[in-house]
Amino acid sequence: MKHQIVSDGAQRLLGSPELQTRLRELRQTIRARHAAELAEAGFLWKLFLRWQIAVEFRRERRKLVSSAHSLYSNRIAA
C-alpha cells in the first residue's frame, strides 16, 4: 500500500477503539487517584477537585492526541 496523507486522520484517531480505551483508562486512573479526597470533601471543595481532575485529564489527553494541524498517513511508520 502506498503512503498517502488522509484528510480525516484526526477524526480516525479520535474514533479509534485503541485511543478510546486509553482515554477511559486515563480517566479512571485520575478519578481513582482523587477518590479518597472527593469522598471527604464538601460541596465547594468537590467542585474545585472536579475542576482539577478535568484540567489534569485534558493535560494528559493532549499528550496522547496530536495537534489539529498534524498530517496523518494511511500507514504506520516502520
PDB file of N, CA and C in Angstrom:
ATOM      1  N   MET A   1       0.837  -1.171   0.000  1.00  0.00           N
ATOM      2  CA  MET A   1       0.000   0.000   0.000  1.00  0.00           C
ATOM      3  C   MET A   1       0.886   1.240   0.000  1.00  0.00           C
ATOM      4  N   LYS A   2       0.538   2.176  -0.812  1.00  0.00           N
ATOM      5  CA  LYS A   2       1.296   3.411  -0.943  1.00  0.00           C
ATOM      6  C   LYS A   2       0.932   4.369   0.206  1.00  0.00           C
ATOM      7  N   HIS A   3       1.940   5.094   0.704  1.00  0.00           N
ATOM      8  CA  HIS A   3       1.680   6.081   1.741  1.00  0.00           C
ATOM      9  C   HIS A   3       0.906   7.246   1.157  1.00  0.00           C
ATOM     10  N   GLN A   4      -0.139   7.645   1.843  1.00  0.00           N
ATOM     11  CA  GLN A   4      -0.927   8.790   1.413  1.00  0.00           C
ATOM     12  C   GLN A   4      -1.329   9.598   2.644  1.00  0.00           C
ATOM     13  N   ILE A   5      -1.383  10.897   2.483  1.00  0.00           N
ATOM     14  CA  ILE A   5      -1.883  11.763   3.548  1.00  0.00           C
ATOM     15  C   ILE A   5      -3.408  11.707   3.492  1.00  0.00           C
ATOM     16  N   VAL A   6      -4.041  11.463   4.616  1.00  0.00           N
ATOM     17  CA  VAL A   6      -5.502  11.369   4.656  1.00  0.00           C
ATOM     18  C   VAL A   6      -6.068  12.632   5.293  1.00  0.00           C
ATOM     19  N   SER A   7      -7.210  13.058   4.790  1.00  0.00           N
ATOM     20  CA  SER A   7      -7.790  14.318   5.257  1.00  0.00           C
ATOM     21  C   SER A   7      -8.516  14.181   6.584  1.00  0.00           C
ATOM     22  N   ASP A   8      -9.020  13.008   6.894  1.00  0.00           N
ATOM     23  CA  ASP A   8      -9.783  12.829   8.128  1.00  0.00           C
ATOM     24  C   ASP A   8      -8.990  12.045   9.174  1.00  0.00           C
ATOM     25  N   GLY A   9      -7.694  12.221   9.179  1.00  0.00           N
ATOM     26  CA  GLY A   9      -6.834  11.474  10.100  1.00  0.00           C
ATOM     27  C   GLY A   9      -7.127  11.759  11.561  1.00  0.00           C
ATOM     28  N   ALA A  10      -7.404  13.014  11.890  1.00  0.00           N
ATOM     29  CA  ALA A  10      -7.698  13.368  13.281  1.00  0.00           C
ATOM     30  C   ALA A  10      -8.985  12.693  13.753  1.00  0.00           C
ATOM     31  N   GLN A  11     -10.008  12.672  12.903  1.00  0.00           N
ATOM     32  CA  GLN A  11     -11.264  12.019  13.269  1.00  0.00           C
ATOM     33  C   GLN A  11     -11.068  10.512  13.395  1.00  0.00           C
ATOM     34  N   ARG A  12     -10.267   9.933  12.509  1.00  0.00           N
ATOM     35  CA  ARG A  12      -9.971   8.500  12.602  1.00  0.00           C
ATOM     36  C   ARG A  12      -9.274   8.177  13.912  1.00  0.00           C
ATOM     37  N   LEU A  13      -8.311   9.023  14.281  1.00  0.00           N
ATOM     38  CA  LEU A  13      -7.592   8.803  15.525  1.00  0.00           C
ATOM     39  C   LEU A  13      -8.534   8.907  16.717  1.00  0.00           C
ATOM     40  N   LEU A  14      -9.339   9.959  16.765  1.00  0.00           N
ATOM     41  CA  LEU A  14     -10.248  10.148  17.891  1.00  0.00           C
ATOM     42  C   LEU A  14     -11.310   9.056  17.967  1.00  0.00           C
ATOM     43  N   GLY A  15     -11.666   8.501  16.837  1.00  0.00           N
ATOM     44  CA  GLY A  15     -12.673   7.447  16.819  1.00  0.00           C
ATOM     45  C   GLY A  15     -12.121   6.052  16.989  1.00  0.00           C
ATOM     46  N   SER A  16     -10.818   5.915  17.042  1.00  0.00           N
ATOM     47  CA  SER A  16     -10.228   4.583  17.129  1.00  0.00           C
ATOM     48  C   SER A  16     -10.503   3.941  18.482  1.00  0.00           C
ATOM     49  N   PRO A  17     -10.819   2.668  18.485  1.00  0.00           N
ATOM     50  CA  PRO A  17     -11.088   1.967  19.749  1.00  0.00           C
ATOM     51  C   PRO A  17      -9.887   1.966  20.694  1.00  0.00           C
ATOM     52  N   GLU A  18      -8.693   1.914  20.136  1.00  0.00           N
ATOM     53  CA  GLU A  18      -7.493   1.899  20.971  1.00  0.00           C
ATOM     54  C   GLU A  18      -7.357   3.192  21.766  1.00  0.00           C
ATOM     55  N   LEU A  19      -7.559   4.318  21.095  1.00  0.00           N
ATOM     56  CA  LEU A  19      -7.457   5.606  21.787  1.00  0.00           C
ATOM     57  C   LEU A  19      -8.587   5.759  22.794  1.00  0.00           C
ATOM     58  N   GLN A  20      -9.790   5.351  22.435  1.00  0.00           N
ATOM     59  CA  GLN A  20     -10.911   5.459  23.367  1.00  0.00           C
ATOM     60  C   GLN A  20     -10.663   4.624  24.617  1.00  0.00           C
ATOM     61  N   THR A  21     -10.098   3.438  24.444  1.00  0.00           N
ATOM     62  CA  THR A  21      -9.757   2.593  25.591  1.00  0.00           C
ATOM     63  C   THR A  21      -8.717   3.270  26.460  1.00  0.00           C
ATOM     64  N   ARG A  22      -7.697   3.832  25.841  1.00  0.00           N
ATOM     65  CA  ARG A  22      -6.637   4.514  26.591  1.00  0.00           C
ATOM     66  C   ARG A  22      -7.179   5.726  27.339  1.00  0.00           C
ATOM     67  N   LEU A  23      -8.093   6.473  26.733  1.00  0.00           N
ATOM     68  CA  LEU A  23      -8.688   7.640  27.398  1.00  0.00           C
ATOM     69  C   LEU A  23      -9.563   7.220  28.573  1.00  0.00           C
ATOM     70  N   ARG A  24     -10.307   6.119  28.425  1.00  0.00           N
ATOM     71  CA  ARG A  24     -11.104   5.598  29.539  1.00  0.00           C
ATOM     72  C   ARG A  24     -10.214   5.199  30.706  1.00  0.00           C
ATOM     73  N   GLU A  25      -9.105   4.509  30.386  1.00  0.00           N
ATOM     74  CA  GLU A  25      -8.166   4.107  31.434  1.00  0.00           C
ATOM     75  C   GLU A  25      -7.558   5.326  32.117  1.00  0.00           C
ATOM     76  N   LEU A  26      -7.219   6.328  31.341  1.00  0.00           N
ATOM     77  CA  LEU A  26      -6.654   7.550  31.890  1.00  0.00           C
ATOM     78  C   LEU A  26      -7.644   8.224  32.825  1.00  0.00           C
ATOM     79  N   ARG A  27      -8.897   8.335  32.395  1.00  0.00           N
ATOM     80  CA  ARG A  27      -9.940   8.958  33.214  1.00  0.00           C
ATOM     81  C   ARG A  27     -10.129   8.194  34.516  1.00  0.00           C
ATOM     82  N   GLN A  28     -10.178   6.869  34.445  1.00  0.00           N
ATOM     83  CA  GLN A  28     -10.344   6.052  35.642  1.00  0.00           C
ATOM     84  C   GLN A  28      -9.160   6.186  36.590  1.00  0.00           C
ATOM     85  N   THR A  29      -7.957   6.241  36.047  1.00  0.00           N
ATOM     86  CA  THR A  29      -6.759   6.391  36.867  1.00  0.00           C
ATOM     87  C   THR A  29      -6.775   7.715  37.616  1.00  0.00           C
ATOM     88  N   ILE A  30      -7.124   8.776  36.926  1.00  0.00           N
ATOM     89  CA  ILE A  30      -7.160  10.099  37.554  1.00  0.00           C
ATOM     90  C   ILE A  30      -8.241  10.153  38.616  1.00  0.00           C
ATOM     91  N   ARG A  31      -9.417   9.619  38.317  1.00  0.00           N
ATOM     92  CA  ARG A  31     -10.509   9.612  39.303  1.00  0.00           C
ATOM     93  C   ARG A  31     -10.139   8.774  40.526  1.00  0.00           C
ATOM     94  N   ALA A  32      -9.486   7.641  40.304  1.00  0.00           N
ATOM     95  CA  ALA A  32      -9.084   6.784  41.424  1.00  0.00           C
ATOM     96  C   ALA A  32      -8.064   7.492  42.314  1.00  0.00           C
ATOM     97  N   ARG A  33      -7.187   8.265  41.706  1.00  0.00           N
ATOM     98  CA  ARG A  33      -6.172   8.995  42.452  1.00  0.00           C
ATOM     99  C   ARG A  33      -6.810  10.024  43.391  1.00  0.00           C
ATOM    100  N   HIS A  34      -7.941  10.586  42.988  1.00  0.00           N
ATOM    101  CA  HIS A  34      -8.599  11.627  43.777  1.00  0.00           C
ATOM    102  C   HIS A  34      -9.832  11.126  44.527  1.00  0.00           C
ATOM    103  N   ALA A  35     -10.118   9.835  44.473  1.00  0.00           N
ATOM    104  CA  ALA A  35     -11.360   9.300  45.036  1.00  0.00           C
ATOM    105  C   ALA A  35     -11.476   9.534  46.538  1.00  0.00           C
ATOM    106  N   ALA A  36     -10.424   9.280  47.287  1.00  0.00           N
ATOM    107  CA  ALA A  36     -10.488   9.436  48.742  1.00  0.00           C
ATOM    108  C   ALA A  36     -10.750  10.887  49.122  1.00  0.00           C
ATOM    109  N   GLU A  37     -10.076  11.799  48.438  1.00  0.00           N
ATOM    110  CA  GLU A  37     -10.259  13.218  48.733  1.00  0.00           C
ATOM    111  C   GLU A  37     -11.665  13.684  48.358  1.00  0.00           C
ATOM    112  N   LEU A  38     -12.196  13.176  47.245  1.00  0.00           N
ATOM    113  CA  LEU A  38     -13.552  13.532  46.832  1.00  0.00           C
ATOM    114  C   LEU A  38     -14.589  13.025  47.829  1.00  0.00           C
ATOM    115  N   ALA A  39     -14.372  11.847  48.388  1.00  0.00           N
ATOM    116  CA  ALA A  39     -15.322  11.257  49.327  1.00  0.00           C
ATOM    117  C   ALA A  39     -15.459  12.092  50.595  1.00  0.00           C
ATOM    118  N   GLU A  40     -14.386  12.747  50.997  1.00  0.00           N
ATOM    119  CA  GLU A  40     -14.391  13.510  52.243  1.00  0.00           C
ATOM    120  C   GLU A  40     -14.674  14.994  52.040  1.00  0.00           C
ATOM    121  N   ALA A  41     -14.729  15.454  50.821  1.00  0.00           N
ATOM    122  CA  ALA A  41     -14.826  16.883  50.530  1.00  0.00           C
ATOM    123  C   ALA A  41     -16.246  17.400  50.672  1.00  0.00           C
ATOM    124  N   GLY A  42     -16.330  18.689  50.986  1.00  0.00           N
ATOM    125  CA  GLY A  42     -17.612  19.381  50.990  1.00  0.00           C
ATOM    126  C   GLY A  42     -17.978  19.799  49.572  1.00  0.00           C
ATOM    127  N   PHE A  43     -19.113  20.488  49.466  1.00  0.00           N
ATOM    128  CA  PHE A  43     -19.640  20.838  48.151  1.00  0.00           C
ATOM    129  C   PHE A  43     -18.657  21.679  47.326  1.00  0.00           C
ATOM    130  N   LEU A  44     -18.182  22.776  47.880  1.00  0.00           N
ATOM    131  CA  LEU A  44     -17.291  23.655  47.122  1.00  0.00           C
ATOM    132  C   LEU A  44     -15.955  22.995  46.824  1.00  0.00           C
ATOM    133  N   TRP A  45     -15.450  22.247  47.784  1.00  0.00           N
ATOM    134  CA  TRP A  45     -14.170  21.573  47.557  1.00  0.00           C
ATOM    135  C   TRP A  45     -14.315  20.499  46.484  1.00  0.00           C
ATOM    136  N   LYS A  46     -15.484  19.822  46.419  1.00  0.00           N
ATOM    137  CA  LYS A  46     -15.744  18.836  45.351  1.00  0.00           C
ATOM    138  C   LYS A  46     -15.735  19.505  43.983  1.00  0.00           C
ATOM    139  N   LEU A  47     -16.345  20.683  43.912  1.00  0.00           N
ATOM    140  CA  LEU A  47     -16.333  21.414  42.638  1.00  0.00           C
ATOM    141  C   LEU A  47     -14.900  21.721  42.212  1.00  0.00           C
ATOM    142  N   PHE A  48     -14.106  22.193  43.171  1.00  0.00           N
ATOM    143  CA  PHE A  48     -12.713  22.511  42.874  1.00  0.00           C
ATOM    144  C   PHE A  48     -11.951  21.260  42.462  1.00  0.00           C
ATOM    145  N   LEU A  49     -12.154  20.143  43.162  1.00  0.00           N
ATOM    146  CA  LEU A  49     -11.462  18.893  42.822  1.00  0.00           C
ATOM    147  C   LEU A  49     -11.865  18.390  41.442  1.00  0.00           C
ATOM    148  N   ARG A  50     -13.143  18.484  41.128  1.00  0.00           N
ATOM    149  CA  ARG A  50     -13.600  18.056  39.795  1.00  0.00           C
ATOM    150  C   ARG A  50     -12.978  18.921  38.707  1.00  0.00           C
ATOM    151  N   TRP A  51     -12.831  20.210  38.975  1.00  0.00           N
ATOM    152  CA  TRP A  51     -12.162  21.093  38.035  1.00  0.00           C
ATOM    153  C   TRP A  51     -10.705  20.671  37.872  1.00  0.00           C
ATOM    154  N   GLN A  52     -10.021  20.355  38.978  1.00  0.00           N
ATOM    155  CA  GLN A  52      -8.631  19.903  38.913  1.00  0.00           C
ATOM    156  C   GLN A  52      -8.511  18.598  38.131  1.00  0.00           C
ATOM    157  N   ILE A  53      -9.448  17.692  38.342  1.00  0.00           N
ATOM    158  CA  ILE A  53      -9.444  16.414  37.626  1.00  0.00           C
ATOM    159  C   ILE A  53      -9.606  16.668  36.132  1.00  0.00           C
ATOM    160  N   ALA A  54     -10.520  17.559  35.767  1.00  0.00           N
ATOM    161  CA  ALA A  54     -10.738  17.872  34.347  1.00  0.00           C
ATOM    162  C   ALA A  54      -9.488  18.493  33.720  1.00  0.00           C
ATOM    163  N   VAL A  55      -8.839  19.384  34.457  1.00  0.00           N
ATOM    164  CA  VAL A  55      -7.609  20.006  33.947  1.00  0.00           C
ATOM    165  C   VAL A  55      -6.526  18.951  33.756  1.00  0.00           C
ATOM    166  N   GLU A  56      -6.369  18.071  34.724  1.00  0.00           N
ATOM    167  CA  GLU A  56      -5.359  17.014  34.630  1.00  0.00           C
ATOM    168  C   GLU A  56      -5.654  16.082  33.459  1.00  0.00           C
ATOM    169  N   PHE A  57      -6.932  15.729  33.276  1.00  0.00           N
ATOM    170  CA  PHE A  57      -7.308  14.856  32.163  1.00  0.00           C
ATOM    171  C   PHE A  57      -6.994  15.516  30.823  1.00  0.00           C
ATOM    172  N   ARG A  58      -7.348  16.789  30.678  1.00  0.00           N
ATOM    173  CA  ARG A  58      -7.075  17.491  29.414  1.00  0.00           C
ATOM    174  C   ARG A  58      -5.579  17.576  29.146  1.00  0.00           C
ATOM    175  N   ARG A  59      -4.789  17.802  30.190  1.00  0.00           N
ATOM    176  CA  ARG A  59      -3.336  17.893  30.031  1.00  0.00           C
ATOM    177  C   ARG A  59      -2.769  16.557  29.544  1.00  0.00           C
ATOM    178  N   GLU A  60      -3.205  15.467  30.153  1.00  0.00           N
ATOM    179  CA  GLU A  60      -2.711  14.144  29.759  1.00  0.00           C
ATOM    180  C   GLU A  60      -3.258  13.740  28.393  1.00  0.00           C
ATOM    181  N   ARG A  61      -4.500  14.118  28.101  1.00  0.00           N
ATOM    182  CA  ARG A  61      -5.099  13.798  26.800  1.00  0.00           C
ATOM    183  C   ARG A  61      -4.340  14.484  25.678  1.00  0.00           C
ATOM    184  N   ARG A  62      -3.911  15.707  25.918  1.00  0.00           N
ATOM    185  CA  ARG A  62      -3.158  16.472  24.918  1.00  0.00           C
ATOM    186  C   ARG A  62      -1.873  15.741  24.541  1.00  0.00           C
ATOM    187  N   LYS A  63      -1.302  14.994  25.482  1.00  0.00           N
ATOM    188  CA  LYS A  63      -0.083  14.231  25.189  1.00  0.00           C
ATOM    189  C   LYS A  63      -0.372  13.045  24.271  1.00  0.00           C
ATOM    190  N   LEU A  64      -1.585  12.498  24.346  1.00  0.00           N
ATOM    191  CA  LEU A  64      -1.949  11.332  23.537  1.00  0.00           C
ATOM    192  C   LEU A  64      -2.449  11.710  22.143  1.00  0.00           C
ATOM    193  N   VAL A  65      -3.129  12.824  22.047  1.00  0.00           N
ATOM    194  CA  VAL A  65      -3.758  13.229  20.790  1.00  0.00           C
ATOM    195  C   VAL A  65      -2.894  14.302  20.140  1.00  0.00           C
ATOM    196  N   SER A  66      -2.621  14.128  18.878  1.00  0.00           N
ATOM    197  CA  SER A  66      -1.794  15.076  18.142  1.00  0.00           C
ATOM    198  C   SER A  66      -2.510  16.403  17.936  1.00  0.00           C
ATOM    199  N   SER A  67      -1.763  17.356  17.477  1.00  0.00           N
ATOM    200  CA  SER A  67      -2.300  18.674  17.170  1.00  0.00           C
ATOM    201  C   SER A  67      -3.335  18.576  16.042  1.00  0.00           C
ATOM    202  N   ALA A  68      -4.252  19.508  16.035  1.00  0.00           N
ATOM    203  CA  ALA A  68      -5.258  19.555  14.968  1.00  0.00           C
ATOM    204  C   ALA A  68      -4.626  19.855  13.617  1.00  0.00           C
ATOM    205  N   HIS A  69      -3.413  20.384  13.615  1.00  0.00           N
ATOM    206  CA  HIS A  69      -2.735  20.736  12.374  1.00  0.00           C
ATOM    207  C   HIS A  69      -1.787  19.632  11.891  1.00  0.00           C
ATOM    208  N   SER A  70      -1.814  18.486  12.545  1.00  0.00           N
ATOM    209  CA  SER A  70      -0.935  17.382  12.163  1.00  0.00           C
ATOM    210  C   SER A  70      -1.394  16.755  10.857  1.00  0.00           C
ATOM    211  N   LEU A  71      -0.460  16.172  10.154  1.00  0.00           N
ATOM    212  CA  LEU A  71      -0.778  15.411   8.955  1.00  0.00           C
ATOM    213  C   LEU A  71      -0.793  13.937   9.328  1.00  0.00           C
ATOM    214  N   TYR A  72      -1.716  13.182   8.760  1.00  0.00           N
ATOM    215  CA  TYR A  72      -1.873  11.779   9.074  1.00  0.00           C
ATOM    216  C   TYR A  72      -1.674  10.953   7.820  1.00  0.00           C
ATOM    217  N   SER A  73      -0.961   9.854   7.980  1.00  0.00           N
ATOM    218  CA  SER A  73      -0.723   8.937   6.882  1.00  0.00           C
ATOM    219  C   SER A  73      -1.662   7.750   7.033  1.00  0.00           C
ATOM    220  N   ASN A  74      -1.893   7.063   5.922  1.00  0.00           N
ATOM    221  CA  ASN A  74      -2.757   5.892   5.966  1.00  0.00           C
ATOM    222  C   ASN A  74      -1.981   4.643   6.398  1.00  0.00           C
ATOM    223  N   ARG A  75      -0.694   4.784   6.666  1.00  0.00           N
ATOM    224  CA  ARG A  75       0.121   3.651   7.118  1.00  0.00           C
ATOM    225  C   ARG A  75       0.921   4.061   8.345  1.00  0.00           C
ATOM    226  N   ILE A  76       1.228   3.072   9.156  1.00  0.00           N
ATOM    227  CA  ILE A  76       2.043   3.315  10.335  1.00  0.00           C
ATOM    228  C   ILE A  76       3.509   3.249   9.921  1.00  0.00           C
ATOM    229  N   ALA A  77       4.296   4.197  10.372  1.00  0.00           N
ATOM    230  CA  ALA A  77       5.725   4.212  10.028  1.00  0.00           C
ATOM    231  C   ALA A  77       6.413   3.022  10.673  1.00  0.00           C
ATOM    232  N   ALA A  78       7.297   2.411   9.944  1.00  0.00           N
ATOM    233  CA  ALA A  78       8.001   1.239  10.459  1.00  0.00           C
ATOM    234  C   ALA A  78       9.360   1.628  10.977  1.00  0.00           C
TER     235      ALA A  78
END
